Amino acid sequence: MKKIHTVLVIDDDPINNVICKTLIHTLHFSEVVHSFVRAKDALDYLKNAIENQYDKIPQVIFLDVNMPEMDGWEFLEEYDKLADDFKDRCHLYMLSSSVNREDMRKSEHYKYIKDFIQKPLSPVSLEDVQNGYNMGI
């Protein structure tokens, strides 16, 4: 089983970030979890990791759809500009508390999005992510 070492959680809700980090640590899903309330800060982290600290690159990213300043879709526009070898290795999942079918359909048009996950993260959704990661999906 491939180990997920680093995860990024990008969500403007700090309470959701704490819940995600706690669940990820409790279930031993990943050793390191970084959370960001601003998508721009997460992009800066990724750019720095790609350029300077390859060992800090996440294997999984959980990205909220609806955020102020830069929402999940705007993040994806910038994410698409990052190195292809990074994007090919990183599994990106959209998170949302809405049941907006349009968001779900829109997410299917981005090749780097592995799935659309309903908030909050759950043990079942993390198991699905782990299985997809191990299968290379």
C-alpha atoms as a PDB file:
ATOM      1  CA  MET A   1       0.000   0.000   0.000  1.00  0.00           C
ATOM      2  CA  LYS A   2       1.397   3.384  -1.040  1.00  0.00           C
ATOM      3  CA  LYS A   3       1.747   5.820   1.837  1.00  0.00           C
ATOM      4  CA  ILE A   4       0.287   9.297   1.668  1.00  0.00           C
ATOM      5  CA  HIS A   5       2.835  11.453   3.426  1.00  0.00           C
ATOM      6  CA  THR A   6       1.546  14.999   2.943  1.00  0.00           C
ATOM      7  CA  VAL A   7      -1.959  16.406   2.523  1.00  0.00           C
ATOM      8  CA  LEU A   8      -3.140  19.968   1.899  1.00  0.00           C
ATOM      9  CA  VAL A   9      -6.559  21.110   3.043  1.00  0.00           C
ATOM     10  CA  ILE A  10      -7.660  24.383   1.451  1.00  0.00           C
ATOM     11  CA  ASP A  11     -10.835  25.757   2.991  1.00  0.00           C
ATOM     12  CA  ASP A  12     -11.784  29.219   4.227  1.00  0.00           C
ATOM     13  CA  ASP A  13     -13.519  27.648   7.240  1.00  0.00           C
ATOM     14  CA  PRO A  14     -10.903  27.157   9.974  1.00  0.00           C
ATOM     15  CA  ILE A  15     -13.245  24.859  11.918  1.00  0.00           C
ATOM     16  CA  ASN A  16     -13.569  22.538   8.921  1.00  0.00           C
ATOM     17  CA  ASN A  17      -9.778  22.569   8.587  1.00  0.00           C
ATOM     18  CA  VAL A  18      -9.398  21.438  12.195  1.00  0.00           C
ATOM     19  CA  ILE A  19     -11.985  18.706  11.666  1.00  0.00           C
ATOM     20  CA  CYS A  20     -10.173  17.512   8.519  1.00  0.00           C
ATOM     21  CA  LYS A  21      -6.762  17.550  10.186  1.00  0.00           C
ATOM     22  CA  THR A  22      -8.067  15.704  13.239  1.00  0.00           C
ATOM     23  CA  LEU A  23      -9.762  13.016  11.154  1.00  0.00           C
ATOM     24  CA  ILE A  24      -6.728  12.591   8.891  1.00  0.00           C
ATOM     25  CA  HIS A  25      -4.414  12.198  11.884  1.00  0.00           C
ATOM     26  CA  THR A  26      -6.809   9.988  13.864  1.00  0.00           C
ATOM     27  CA  LEU A  27      -7.200   7.569  10.958  1.00  0.00           C
ATOM     28  CA  HIS A  28      -3.458   7.653  10.175  1.00  0.00           C
ATOM     29  CA  PHE A  29      -4.332   8.717   6.632  1.00  0.00           C
ATOM     30  CA  SER A  30      -1.250  10.933   6.370  1.00  0.00           C
ATOM     31  CA  GLU A  31       1.726  11.943   8.478  1.00  0.00           C
ATOM     32  CA  VAL A  32       1.647  15.644   7.582  1.00  0.00           C
ATOM     33  CA  VAL A  33      -1.381  17.884   7.038  1.00  0.00           C
ATOM     34  CA  HIS A  34      -1.103  21.531   6.073  1.00  0.00           C
ATOM     35  CA  SER A  35      -4.238  23.629   6.037  1.00  0.00           C
ATOM     36  CA  PHE A  36      -4.824  26.980   4.402  1.00  0.00           C
ATOM     37  CA  VAL A  37      -7.772  29.351   4.733  1.00  0.00           C
ATOM     38  CA  ARG A  38      -6.630  31.281   1.647  1.00  0.00           C
ATOM     39  CA  ALA A  39      -6.186  29.511  -1.679  1.00  0.00           C
ATOM     40  CA  LYS A  40      -3.454  31.992  -2.667  1.00  0.00           C
ATOM     41  CA  ASP A  41      -1.370  30.902   0.332  1.00  0.00           C
ATOM     42  CA  ALA A  42      -1.767  27.262  -0.704  1.00  0.00           C
ATOM     43  CA  LEU A  43      -0.588  28.104  -4.230  1.00  0.00           C
ATOM     44  CA  ASP A  44       2.445  29.880  -2.809  1.00  0.00           C
ATOM     45  CA  TYR A  45       3.190  26.801  -0.695  1.00  0.00           C
ATOM     46  CA  LEU A  46       2.917  24.534  -3.745  1.00  0.00           C
ATOM     47  CA  LYS A  47       5.123  26.728  -5.929  1.00  0.00           C
ATOM     48  CA  ASN A  48       7.784  26.868  -3.227  1.00  0.00           C
ATOM     49  CA  ALA A  49       7.641  23.101  -2.675  1.00  0.00           C
ATOM     50  CA  ILE A  50       7.925  22.388  -6.401  1.00  0.00           C
ATOM     51  CA  GLU A  51      10.860  24.761  -6.830  1.00  0.00           C
ATOM     52  CA  ASN A  52      12.749  24.283  -3.568  1.00  0.00           C
ATOM     53  CA  GLN A  53      11.478  21.471  -1.352  1.00  0.00           C
ATOM     54  CA  TYR A  54      10.252  18.562  -3.418  1.00  0.00           C
ATOM     55  CA  ASP A  55       9.838  16.449  -0.268  1.00  0.00           C
ATOM     56  CA  LYS A  56       7.087  18.828   0.916  1.00  0.00           C
ATOM     57  CA  ILE A  57       4.905  18.291  -2.138  1.00  0.00           C
ATOM     58  CA  PRO A  58       1.521  16.856  -1.153  1.00  0.00           C
ATOM     59  CA  GLN A  59       0.208  13.623  -2.556  1.00  0.00           C
ATOM     60  CA  VAL A  60      -3.401  14.680  -1.854  1.00  0.00           C
ATOM     61  CA  ILE A  61      -5.162  18.064  -1.882  1.00  0.00           C
ATOM     62  CA  PHE A  62      -8.661  18.694  -0.566  1.00  0.00           C
ATOM     63  CA  LEU A  63      -9.949  21.931  -2.116  1.00  0.00           C
ATOM     64  CA  ASP A  64     -13.080  23.793  -1.069  1.00  0.00           C
ATOM     65  CA  VAL A  65     -15.225  25.111  -3.909  1.00  0.00           C
ATOM     66  CA  ASN A  66     -16.644  28.275  -2.364  1.00  0.00           C
ATOM     67  CA  MET A  67     -14.100  30.631  -0.824  1.00  0.00           C
ATOM     68  CA  PRO A  68     -13.673  34.406  -0.813  1.00  0.00           C
ATOM     69  CA  GLU A  69     -10.810  36.142  -2.645  1.00  0.00           C
ATOM     70  CA  MET A  70      -9.935  33.064  -4.745  1.00  0.00           C
ATOM     71  CA  ASP A  71     -12.470  30.265  -5.009  1.00  0.00           C
ATOM     72  CA  GLY A  72     -11.726  26.673  -5.912  1.00  0.00           C
ATOM     73  CA  TRP A  73     -12.252  27.260  -9.638  1.00  0.00           C
ATOM     74  CA  GLU A  74      -9.848  30.210  -9.674  1.00  0.00           C
ATOM     75  CA  PHE A  75      -7.353  28.094  -7.748  1.00  0.00           C
ATOM     76  CA  LEU A  76      -7.625  25.435 -10.463  1.00  0.00           C
ATOM     77  CA  GLU A  77      -6.824  27.996 -13.172  1.00  0.00           C
ATOM     78  CA  GLU A  78      -3.533  28.747 -11.381  1.00  0.00           C
ATOM     79  CA  TYR A  79      -2.966  25.107 -10.442  1.00  0.00           C
ATOM     80  CA  ASP A  80      -3.129  24.200 -14.126  1.00  0.00           C
ATOM     81  CA  LYS A  81      -0.012  26.349 -14.697  1.00  0.00           C
ATOM     82  CA  LEU A  82       2.097  24.236 -12.305  1.00  0.00           C
ATOM     83  CA  ALA A  83       4.506  21.554 -13.514  1.00  0.00           C
ATOM     84  CA  ASP A  84       2.805  18.593 -15.177  1.00  0.00           C
ATOM     85  CA  ASP A  85       4.881  15.981 -13.351  1.00  0.00           C
ATOM     86  CA  PHE A  86       3.645  17.410 -10.039  1.00  0.00           C
ATOM     87  CA  LYS A  87       0.011  17.442 -11.146  1.00  0.00           C
ATOM     88  CA  ASP A  88       0.270  13.898 -12.433  1.00  0.00           C
ATOM     89  CA  ARG A  89       1.417  12.667  -9.006  1.00  0.00           C
ATOM     90  CA  CYS A  90      -0.932  14.757  -6.841  1.00  0.00           C
ATOM     91  CA  HIS A  91      -4.529  13.667  -6.255  1.00  0.00           C
ATOM     92  CA  LEU A  92      -6.867  16.650  -6.033  1.00  0.00           C
ATOM     93  CA  TYR A  93     -10.369  16.384  -4.556  1.00  0.00           C
ATOM     94  CA  MET A  94     -13.011  19.099  -4.499  1.00  0.00           C
ATOM     95  CA  LEU A  95     -14.849  19.607  -1.222  1.00  0.00           C
ATOM     96  CA  SER A  96     -18.201  21.298  -0.840  1.00  0.00           C
ATOM     97  CA  SER A  97     -21.011  21.539   1.632  1.00  0.00           C
ATOM     98  CA  SER A  98     -23.398  22.396  -1.207  1.00  0.00           C
ATOM     99  CA  VAL A  99     -25.191  19.804  -3.245  1.00  0.00           C
ATOM    100  CA  ASN A 100     -24.890  21.983  -6.326  1.00  0.00           C
ATOM    101  CA  ARG A 101     -25.036  19.595  -9.268  1.00  0.00           C
ATOM    102  CA  GLU A 102     -23.552  22.287 -11.511  1.00  0.00           C
ATOM    103  CA  ASP A 103     -20.382  22.307  -9.365  1.00  0.00           C
ATOM    104  CA  MET A 104     -20.205  18.526  -9.625  1.00  0.00           C
ATOM    105  CA  ARG A 105     -20.605  18.643 -13.408  1.00  0.00           C
ATOM    106  CA  LYS A 106     -18.068  21.444 -13.683  1.00  0.00           C
ATOM    107  CA  SER A 107     -15.521  19.460 -11.684  1.00  0.00           C
ATOM    108  CA  GLU A 108     -15.717  16.634 -14.243  1.00  0.00           C
ATOM    109  CA  HIS A 109     -14.152  18.937 -16.856  1.00  0.00           C
ATOM    110  CA  TYR A 110     -10.887  19.264 -14.927  1.00  0.00           C
ATOM    111  CA  LYS A 111      -8.578  16.335 -15.577  1.00  0.00           C
ATOM    112  CA  TYR A 112      -6.718  16.797 -12.284  1.00  0.00           C
ATOM    113  CA  ILE A 113      -9.815  16.490 -10.091  1.00  0.00           C
ATOM    114  CA  LYS A 114     -10.160  12.909  -8.921  1.00  0.00           C
ATOM    115  CA  ASP A 115     -13.563  13.298  -7.286  1.00  0.00           C
ATOM    116  CA  PHE A 116     -16.075  15.657  -5.710  1.00  0.00           C
ATOM    117  CA  ILE A 117     -16.494  15.004  -1.981  1.00  0.00           C
ATOM    118  CA  GLN A 118     -19.386  16.204   0.138  1.00  0.00           C
ATOM    119  CA  LYS A 119     -18.310  17.912   3.389  1.00  0.00           C
ATOM    120  CA  PRO A 120     -17.475  17.002   5.991  1.00  0.00           C
ATOM    121  CA  LEU A 121     -14.733  14.498   5.255  1.00  0.00           C
ATOM    122  CA  SER A 122     -15.599  11.121   6.690  1.00  0.00           C
ATOM    123  CA  PRO A 123     -13.752   7.880   7.348  1.00  0.00           C
ATOM    124  CA  VAL A 124     -15.492   6.409   4.291  1.00  0.00           C
ATOM    125  CA  SER A 125     -14.449   9.258   1.988  1.00  0.00           C
ATOM    126  CA  LEU A 126     -10.856   9.037   3.239  1.00  0.00           C
ATOM    127  CA  GLU A 127     -10.879   5.286   2.627  1.00  0.00           C
ATOM    128  CA  ASP A 128     -12.099   5.920  -0.930  1.00  0.00           C
ATOM    129  CA  VAL A 129      -9.307   8.472  -1.454  1.00  0.00           C
ATOM    130  CA  GLN A 130      -6.706   6.027  -0.089  1.00  0.00           C
ATOM    131  CA  ASN A 131      -7.993   3.265  -2.354  1.00  0.00           C
ATOM    132  CA  GLY A 132      -7.928   5.552  -5.396  1.00  0.00           C
ATOM    133  CA  TYR A 133      -4.429   6.693  -4.544  1.00  0.00           C
ATOM    134  CA  ASN A 134      -3.185   3.113  -4.199  1.00  0.00           C
ATOM    135  CA  MET A 135      -4.783   2.127  -7.503  1.00  0.00           C
ATOM    136  CA  GLY A 136      -3.347   5.213  -9.217  1.00  0.00           C
ATOM    137  CA  ILE A 137      -6.806   6.530 -10.053  1.00  0.00           C
END
